[in-house]
Amino acid sequence: MSAHKNGFKPTCREVHRLVSEGLDRDLSLVERTRMHLHLMVCGACTRFNGQMSLLRRAVRSMPPPDYVPPASLDADAP
């Protein structure tokens, strides 16, 4: 990844892209470093990153679409 025209610190737009891409792939050391430098000074992007992390955890905690819960152990069942 080449350095952004503004130097080593990326823009909010680039950080949003990196956060999103980081959900699908491992970011490189340079990408992670640039993103973390920006997150240290930008509250809006820090909140966005937190929201994406929350969504990722929520989706990962959901059962797979083909999941069928086991039958309940009802005492009255035959």
PDB file of N, CA and C in Angstrom:
ATOM      1  N   MET A   1       0.854  -1.176   0.000  1.00  0.00           N
ATOM      2  CA  MET A   1       0.000   0.000   0.000  1.00  0.00           C
ATOM      3  C   MET A   1       0.893   1.229   0.000  1.00  0.00           C
ATOM      4  N   SER A   2       0.603   2.140  -0.862  1.00  0.00           N
ATOM      5  CA  SER A   2       1.412   3.348  -0.935  1.00  0.00           C
ATOM      6  C   SER A   2       0.948   4.357   0.109  1.00  0.00           C
ATOM      7  N   ALA A   3       1.867   5.216   0.512  1.00  0.00           N
ATOM      8  CA  ALA A   3       1.527   6.247   1.499  1.00  0.00           C
ATOM      9  C   ALA A   3       0.545   7.223   0.876  1.00  0.00           C
ATOM     10  N   HIS A   4      -0.365   7.701   1.680  1.00  0.00           N
ATOM     11  CA  HIS A   4      -1.378   8.651   1.220  1.00  0.00           C
ATOM     12  C   HIS A   4      -0.712   9.970   0.891  1.00  0.00           C
ATOM     13  N   LYS A   5      -1.335  10.764   0.026  1.00  0.00           N
ATOM     14  CA  LYS A   5      -0.738  12.038  -0.392  1.00  0.00           C
ATOM     15  C   LYS A   5      -0.526  12.992   0.770  1.00  0.00           C
ATOM     16  N   ASN A   6      -1.254  12.791   1.885  1.00  0.00           N
ATOM     17  CA  ASN A   6      -1.087  13.664   3.052  1.00  0.00           C
ATOM     18  C   ASN A   6      -0.025  13.137   4.009  1.00  0.00           C
ATOM     19  N   GLY A   7       0.730  12.131   3.623  1.00  0.00           N
ATOM     20  CA  GLY A   7       1.765  11.585   4.493  1.00  0.00           C
ATOM     21  C   GLY A   7       1.372  10.228   5.033  1.00  0.00           C
ATOM     22  N   PHE A   8       1.870   9.923   6.216  1.00  0.00           N
ATOM     23  CA  PHE A   8       1.681   8.590   6.783  1.00  0.00           C
ATOM     24  C   PHE A   8       0.296   8.400   7.381  1.00  0.00           C
ATOM     25  N   LYS A   9      -0.315   9.484   7.870  1.00  0.00           N
ATOM     26  CA  LYS A   9      -1.633   9.390   8.512  1.00  0.00           C
ATOM     27  C   LYS A   9      -2.727   9.402   7.448  1.00  0.00           C
ATOM     28  N   PRO A  10      -3.561   8.348   7.401  1.00  0.00           N
ATOM     29  CA  PRO A  10      -4.617   8.289   6.394  1.00  0.00           C
ATOM     30  C   PRO A  10      -5.797   9.196   6.738  1.00  0.00           C
ATOM     31  N   THR A  11      -6.650   9.420   5.755  1.00  0.00           N
ATOM     32  CA  THR A  11      -7.863  10.205   5.956  1.00  0.00           C
ATOM     33  C   THR A  11      -8.935   9.333   6.607  1.00  0.00           C
ATOM     34  N   CYS A  12     -10.009   9.958   7.052  1.00  0.00           N
ATOM     35  CA  CYS A  12     -11.141   9.206   7.614  1.00  0.00           C
ATOM     36  C   CYS A  12     -11.698   8.235   6.578  1.00  0.00           C
ATOM     37  N   ARG A  13     -11.791   8.652   5.353  1.00  0.00           N
ATOM     38  CA  ARG A  13     -12.315   7.791   4.284  1.00  0.00           C
ATOM     39  C   ARG A  13     -11.458   6.531   4.153  1.00  0.00           C
ATOM     40  N   GLU A  14     -10.143   6.702   4.178  1.00  0.00           N
ATOM     41  CA  GLU A  14      -9.253   5.544   4.058  1.00  0.00           C
ATOM     42  C   GLU A  14      -9.366   4.643   5.280  1.00  0.00           C
ATOM     43  N   VAL A  15      -9.505   5.223   6.459  1.00  0.00           N
ATOM     44  CA  VAL A  15      -9.654   4.420   7.678  1.00  0.00           C
ATOM     45  C   VAL A  15     -10.952   3.625   7.627  1.00  0.00           C
ATOM     46  N   HIS A  16     -12.021   4.215   7.150  1.00  0.00           N
ATOM     47  CA  HIS A  16     -13.287   3.481   7.023  1.00  0.00           C
ATOM     48  C   HIS A  16     -13.112   2.304   6.082  1.00  0.00           C
ATOM     49  N   ARG A  17     -12.387   2.513   4.999  1.00  0.00           N
ATOM     50  CA  ARG A  17     -12.117   1.429   4.051  1.00  0.00           C
ATOM     51  C   ARG A  17     -11.281   0.340   4.712  1.00  0.00           C
ATOM     52  N   LEU A  18     -10.254   0.740   5.454  1.00  0.00           N
ATOM     53  CA  LEU A  18      -9.395  -0.243   6.126  1.00  0.00           C
ATOM     54  C   LEU A  18     -10.162  -1.031   7.184  1.00  0.00           C
ATOM     55  N   VAL A  19     -11.011  -0.352   7.948  1.00  0.00           N
ATOM     56  CA  VAL A  19     -11.820  -1.032   8.958  1.00  0.00           C
ATOM     57  C   VAL A  19     -12.700  -2.078   8.273  1.00  0.00           C
ATOM     58  N   SER A  20     -13.341  -1.688   7.187  1.00  0.00           N
ATOM     59  CA  SER A  20     -14.216  -2.605   6.462  1.00  0.00           C
ATOM     60  C   SER A  20     -13.430  -3.770   5.861  1.00  0.00           C
ATOM     61  N   GLU A  21     -12.299  -3.474   5.243  1.00  0.00           N
ATOM     62  CA  GLU A  21     -11.483  -4.530   4.659  1.00  0.00           C
ATOM     63  C   GLU A  21     -10.939  -5.465   5.737  1.00  0.00           C
ATOM     64  N   GLY A  22     -10.671  -4.909   6.908  1.00  0.00           N
ATOM     65  CA  GLY A  22     -10.157  -5.712   8.008  1.00  0.00           C
ATOM     66  C   GLY A  22     -11.160  -6.748   8.504  1.00  0.00           C
ATOM     67  N   LEU A  23     -12.441  -6.578   8.157  1.00  0.00           N
ATOM     68  CA  LEU A  23     -13.445  -7.580   8.506  1.00  0.00           C
ATOM     69  C   LEU A  23     -13.312  -8.813   7.620  1.00  0.00           C
ATOM     70  N   ASP A  24     -12.765  -8.626   6.427  1.00  0.00           N
ATOM     71  CA  ASP A  24     -12.676  -9.713   5.447  1.00  0.00           C
ATOM     72  C   ASP A  24     -11.286 -10.308   5.285  1.00  0.00           C
ATOM     73  N   ARG A  25     -10.268  -9.574   5.678  1.00  0.00           N
ATOM     74  CA  ARG A  25      -8.901 -10.056   5.492  1.00  0.00           C
ATOM     75  C   ARG A  25      -7.999  -9.480   6.577  1.00  0.00           C
ATOM     76  N   ASP A  26      -6.835 -10.074   6.735  1.00  0.00           N
ATOM     77  CA  ASP A  26      -5.840  -9.540   7.665  1.00  0.00           C
ATOM     78  C   ASP A  26      -5.162  -8.346   7.004  1.00  0.00           C
ATOM     79  N   LEU A  27      -5.144  -7.228   7.721  1.00  0.00           N
ATOM     80  CA  LEU A  27      -4.468  -6.044   7.200  1.00  0.00           C
ATOM     81  C   LEU A  27      -2.964  -6.211   7.360  1.00  0.00           C
ATOM     82  N   SER A  28      -2.220  -5.576   6.467  1.00  0.00           N
ATOM     83  CA  SER A  28      -0.760  -5.611   6.565  1.00  0.00           C
ATOM     84  C   SER A  28      -0.307  -4.786   7.768  1.00  0.00           C
ATOM     85  N   LEU A  29       0.923  -4.950   8.166  1.00  0.00           N
ATOM     86  CA  LEU A  29       1.479  -4.183   9.286  1.00  0.00           C
ATOM     87  C   LEU A  29       1.396  -2.686   8.994  1.00  0.00           C
ATOM     88  N   VAL A  30       1.700  -2.283   7.775  1.00  0.00           N
ATOM     89  CA  VAL A  30       1.649  -0.861   7.402  1.00  0.00           C
ATOM     90  C   VAL A  30       0.208  -0.353   7.482  1.00  0.00           C
ATOM     91  N   GLU A  31      -0.750  -1.132   6.971  1.00  0.00           N
ATOM     92  CA  GLU A  31      -2.153  -0.722   7.024  1.00  0.00           C
ATOM     93  C   GLU A  31      -2.637  -0.589   8.458  1.00  0.00           C
ATOM     94  N   ARG A  32      -2.305  -1.579   9.299  1.00  0.00           N
ATOM     95  CA  ARG A  32      -2.715  -1.527  10.710  1.00  0.00           C
ATOM     96  C   ARG A  32      -2.091  -0.342  11.420  1.00  0.00           C
ATOM     97  N   THR A  33      -0.830  -0.087  11.166  1.00  0.00           N
ATOM     98  CA  THR A  33      -0.126   1.024  11.817  1.00  0.00           C
ATOM     99  C   THR A  33      -0.745   2.354  11.422  1.00  0.00           C
ATOM    100  N   ARG A  34      -0.976   2.537  10.137  1.00  0.00           N
ATOM    101  CA  ARG A  34      -1.576   3.790   9.671  1.00  0.00           C
ATOM    102  C   ARG A  34      -2.958   3.982  10.267  1.00  0.00           C
ATOM    103  N   MET A  35      -3.744   2.900  10.306  1.00  0.00           N
ATOM    104  CA  MET A  35      -5.092   2.991  10.853  1.00  0.00           C
ATOM    105  C   MET A  35      -5.036   3.347  12.336  1.00  0.00           C
ATOM    106  N   HIS A  36      -4.162   2.680  13.092  1.00  0.00           N
ATOM    107  CA  HIS A  36      -4.074   2.956  14.535  1.00  0.00           C
ATOM    108  C   HIS A  36      -3.595   4.375  14.811  1.00  0.00           C
ATOM    109  N   LEU A  37      -2.693   4.890  14.009  1.00  0.00           N
ATOM    110  CA  LEU A  37      -2.261   6.282  14.182  1.00  0.00           C
ATOM    111  C   LEU A  37      -3.444   7.232  14.015  1.00  0.00           C
ATOM    112  N   HIS A  38      -4.266   6.976  13.036  1.00  0.00           N
ATOM    113  CA  HIS A  38      -5.437   7.828  12.809  1.00  0.00           C
ATOM    114  C   HIS A  38      -6.438   7.679  13.954  1.00  0.00           C
ATOM    115  N   LEU A  39      -6.664   6.441  14.401  1.00  0.00           N
ATOM    116  CA  LEU A  39      -7.630   6.202  15.471  1.00  0.00           C
ATOM    117  C   LEU A  39      -7.217   6.891  16.776  1.00  0.00           C
ATOM    118  N   MET A  40      -5.920   7.117  16.962  1.00  0.00           N
ATOM    119  CA  MET A  40      -5.440   7.784  18.173  1.00  0.00           C
ATOM    120  C   MET A  40      -5.901   9.244  18.236  1.00  0.00           C
ATOM    121  N   VAL A  41      -6.205   9.833  17.085  1.00  0.00           N
ATOM    122  CA  VAL A  41      -6.542  11.256  17.067  1.00  0.00           C
ATOM    123  C   VAL A  41      -7.949  11.554  16.549  1.00  0.00           C
ATOM    124  N   CYS A  42      -8.682  10.528  16.107  1.00  0.00           N
ATOM    125  CA  CYS A  42     -10.000  10.774  15.510  1.00  0.00           C
ATOM    126  C   CYS A  42     -11.080   9.991  16.252  1.00  0.00           C
ATOM    127  N   GLY A  43     -11.867  10.700  17.035  1.00  0.00           N
ATOM    128  CA  GLY A  43     -12.929  10.072  17.803  1.00  0.00           C
ATOM    129  C   GLY A  43     -14.015   9.463  16.934  1.00  0.00           C
ATOM    130  N   ALA A  44     -14.343  10.115  15.818  1.00  0.00           N
ATOM    131  CA  ALA A  44     -15.399   9.600  14.939  1.00  0.00           C
ATOM    132  C   ALA A  44     -14.999   8.248  14.350  1.00  0.00           C
ATOM    133  N   CYS A  45     -13.778   8.137  13.898  1.00  0.00           N
ATOM    134  CA  CYS A  45     -13.319   6.864  13.320  1.00  0.00           C
ATOM    135  C   CYS A  45     -13.160   5.800  14.408  1.00  0.00           C
ATOM    136  N   THR A  46     -12.792   6.204  15.604  1.00  0.00           N
ATOM    137  CA  THR A  46     -12.693   5.261  16.718  1.00  0.00           C
ATOM    138  C   THR A  46     -14.073   4.688  17.029  1.00  0.00           C
ATOM    139  N   ARG A  47     -15.091   5.537  17.021  1.00  0.00           N
ATOM    140  CA  ARG A  47     -16.465   5.053  17.235  1.00  0.00           C
ATOM    141  C   ARG A  47     -16.896   4.119  16.106  1.00  0.00           C
ATOM    142  N   PHE A  48     -16.593   4.489  14.863  1.00  0.00           N
ATOM    143  CA  PHE A  48     -16.930   3.647  13.714  1.00  0.00           C
ATOM    144  C   PHE A  48     -16.262   2.280  13.848  1.00  0.00           C
ATOM    145  N   ASN A  49     -15.001   2.264  14.224  1.00  0.00           N
ATOM    146  CA  ASN A  49     -14.267   1.015  14.410  1.00  0.00           C
ATOM    147  C   ASN A  49     -14.933   0.172  15.508  1.00  0.00           C
ATOM    148  N   GLY A  50     -15.339   0.810  16.595  1.00  0.00           N
ATOM    149  CA  GLY A  50     -16.015   0.102  17.678  1.00  0.00           C
ATOM    150  C   GLY A  50     -17.353  -0.474  17.240  1.00  0.00           C
ATOM    151  N   GLN A  51     -18.096   0.299  16.448  1.00  0.00           N
ATOM    152  CA  GLN A  51     -19.386  -0.175  15.947  1.00  0.00           C
ATOM    153  C   GLN A  51     -19.204  -1.382  15.031  1.00  0.00           C
ATOM    154  N   MET A  52     -18.191  -1.340  14.183  1.00  0.00           N
ATOM    155  CA  MET A  52     -17.935  -2.472  13.282  1.00  0.00           C
ATOM    156  C   MET A  52     -17.505  -3.705  14.073  1.00  0.00           C
ATOM    157  N   SER A  53     -16.725  -3.505  15.138  1.00  0.00           N
ATOM    158  CA  SER A  53     -16.319  -4.631  15.994  1.00  0.00           C
ATOM    159  C   SER A  53     -17.536  -5.244  16.681  1.00  0.00           C
ATOM    160  N   LEU A  54     -18.446  -4.400  17.155  1.00  0.00           N
ATOM    161  CA  LEU A  54     -19.667  -4.888  17.792  1.00  0.00           C
ATOM    162  C   LEU A  54     -20.507  -5.692  16.803  1.00  0.00           C
ATOM    163  N   LEU A  55     -20.666  -5.186  15.587  1.00  0.00           N
ATOM    164  CA  LEU A  55     -21.423  -5.912  14.571  1.00  0.00           C
ATOM    165  C   LEU A  55     -20.772  -7.254  14.239  1.00  0.00           C
ATOM    166  N   ARG A  56     -19.456  -7.251  14.144  1.00  0.00           N
ATOM    167  CA  ARG A  56     -18.740  -8.495  13.838  1.00  0.00           C
ATOM    168  C   ARG A  56     -18.990  -9.530  14.934  1.00  0.00           C
ATOM    169  N   ARG A  57     -18.887  -9.126  16.196  1.00  0.00           N
ATOM    170  CA  ARG A  57     -19.127 -10.062  17.308  1.00  0.00           C
ATOM    171  C   ARG A  57     -20.564 -10.564  17.305  1.00  0.00           C
ATOM    172  N   ALA A  58     -21.513  -9.676  17.016  1.00  0.00           N
ATOM    173  CA  ALA A  58     -22.924 -10.069  16.994  1.00  0.00           C
ATOM    174  C   ALA A  58     -23.192 -11.092  15.900  1.00  0.00           C
ATOM    175  N   VAL A  59     -22.649 -10.863  14.721  1.00  0.00           N
ATOM    176  CA  VAL A  59     -22.872 -11.781  13.610  1.00  0.00           C
ATOM    177  C   VAL A  59     -22.204 -13.130  13.896  1.00  0.00           C
ATOM    178  N   ARG A  60     -21.009 -13.090  14.459  1.00  0.00           N
ATOM    179  CA  ARG A  60     -20.309 -14.350  14.764  1.00  0.00           C
ATOM    180  C   ARG A  60     -21.009 -15.154  15.847  1.00  0.00           C
ATOM    181  N   SER A  61     -21.778 -14.507  16.702  1.00  0.00           N
ATOM    182  CA  SER A  61     -22.455 -15.229  17.777  1.00  0.00           C
ATOM    183  C   SER A  61     -23.777 -15.846  17.322  1.00  0.00           C
ATOM    184  N   MET A  62     -24.231 -15.491  16.133  1.00  0.00           N
ATOM    185  CA  MET A  62     -25.488 -16.030  15.615  1.00  0.00           C
ATOM    186  C   MET A  62     -25.287 -17.471  15.139  1.00  0.00           C
ATOM    187  N   PRO A  63     -26.321 -18.293  15.277  1.00  0.00           N
ATOM    188  CA  PRO A  63     -26.204 -19.655  14.755  1.00  0.00           C
ATOM    189  C   PRO A  63     -26.174 -19.637  13.227  1.00  0.00           C
ATOM    190  N   PRO A  64     -25.611 -20.664  12.618  1.00  0.00           N
ATOM    191  CA  PRO A  64     -25.599 -20.713  11.155  1.00  0.00           C
ATOM    192  C   PRO A  64     -27.025 -20.755  10.606  1.00  0.00           C
ATOM    193  N   PRO A  65     -27.233 -20.339   9.368  1.00  0.00           N
ATOM    194  CA  PRO A  65     -28.589 -20.276   8.812  1.00  0.00           C
ATOM    195  C   PRO A  65     -29.295 -21.635   8.778  1.00  0.00           C
ATOM    196  N   ASP A  66     -28.558 -22.730   8.706  1.00  0.00           N
ATOM    197  CA  ASP A  66     -29.178 -24.055   8.634  1.00  0.00           C
ATOM    198  C   ASP A  66     -29.288 -24.729  10.008  1.00  0.00           C
ATOM    199  N   TYR A  67     -29.043 -23.972  11.071  1.00  0.00           N
ATOM    200  CA  TYR A  67     -29.091 -24.521  12.427  1.00  0.00           C
ATOM    201  C   TYR A  67     -30.522 -24.847  12.820  1.00  0.00           C
ATOM    202  N   VAL A  68     -30.716 -26.053  13.329  1.00  0.00           N
ATOM    203  CA  VAL A  68     -32.016 -26.470  13.843  1.00  0.00           C
ATOM    204  C   VAL A  68     -31.812 -26.789  15.319  1.00  0.00           C
ATOM    205  N   PRO A  69     -32.488 -26.053  16.210  1.00  0.00           N
ATOM    206  CA  PRO A  69     -32.289 -26.308  17.638  1.00  0.00           C
ATOM    207  C   PRO A  69     -32.789 -27.716  18.000  1.00  0.00           C
ATOM    208  N   PRO A  70     -32.123 -28.339  18.970  1.00  0.00           N
ATOM    209  CA  PRO A  70     -32.568 -29.674  19.377  1.00  0.00           C
ATOM    210  C   PRO A  70     -33.978 -29.608  19.979  1.00  0.00           C
ATOM    211  N   ALA A  71     -34.702 -30.709  19.874  1.00  0.00           N
ATOM    212  CA  ALA A  71     -36.046 -30.772  20.442  1.00  0.00           C
ATOM    213  C   ALA A  71     -35.938 -30.551  21.956  1.00  0.00           C
ATOM    214  N   SER A  72     -36.904 -29.831  22.491  1.00  0.00           N
ATOM    215  CA  SER A  72     -36.861 -29.570  23.935  1.00  0.00           C
ATOM    216  C   SER A  72     -37.131 -30.864  24.696  1.00  0.00           C
ATOM    217  N   LEU A  73     -36.593 -30.923  25.878  1.00  0.00           N
ATOM    218  CA  LEU A  73     -36.780 -32.117  26.736  1.00  0.00           C
ATOM    219  C   LEU A  73     -38.007 -31.910  27.584  1.00  0.00           C
ATOM    220  N   ASP A  74     -39.148 -32.048  26.986  1.00  0.00           N
ATOM    221  CA  ASP A  74     -40.429 -31.834  27.659  1.00  0.00           C
ATOM    222  C   ASP A  74     -40.828 -33.122  28.391  1.00  0.00           C
ATOM    223  N   ALA A  75     -41.182 -33.014  29.635  1.00  0.00           N
ATOM    224  CA  ALA A  75     -41.549 -34.188  30.455  1.00  0.00           C
ATOM    225  C   ALA A  75     -42.800 -34.861  29.925  1.00  0.00           C
ATOM    226  N   ASP A  76     -43.671 -34.118  29.228  1.00  0.00           N
ATOM    227  CA  ASP A  76     -44.903 -34.683  28.713  1.00  0.00           C
ATOM    228  C   ASP A  76     -44.733 -35.274  27.309  1.00  0.00           C
ATOM    229  N   ALA A  77     -43.558 -35.167  26.741  1.00  0.00           N
ATOM    230  CA  ALA A  77     -43.354 -35.697  25.390  1.00  0.00           C
ATOM    231  C   ALA A  77     -43.390 -37.210  25.410  1.00  0.00           C
ATOM    232  N   PRO A  78     -43.927 -37.828  24.328  1.00  0.00           N
ATOM    233  CA  PRO A  78     -44.008 -39.302  24.288  1.00  0.00           C
ATOM    234  C   PRO A  78     -42.656 -39.950  24.177  1.00  0.00           C
TER     235      PRO A  78
END
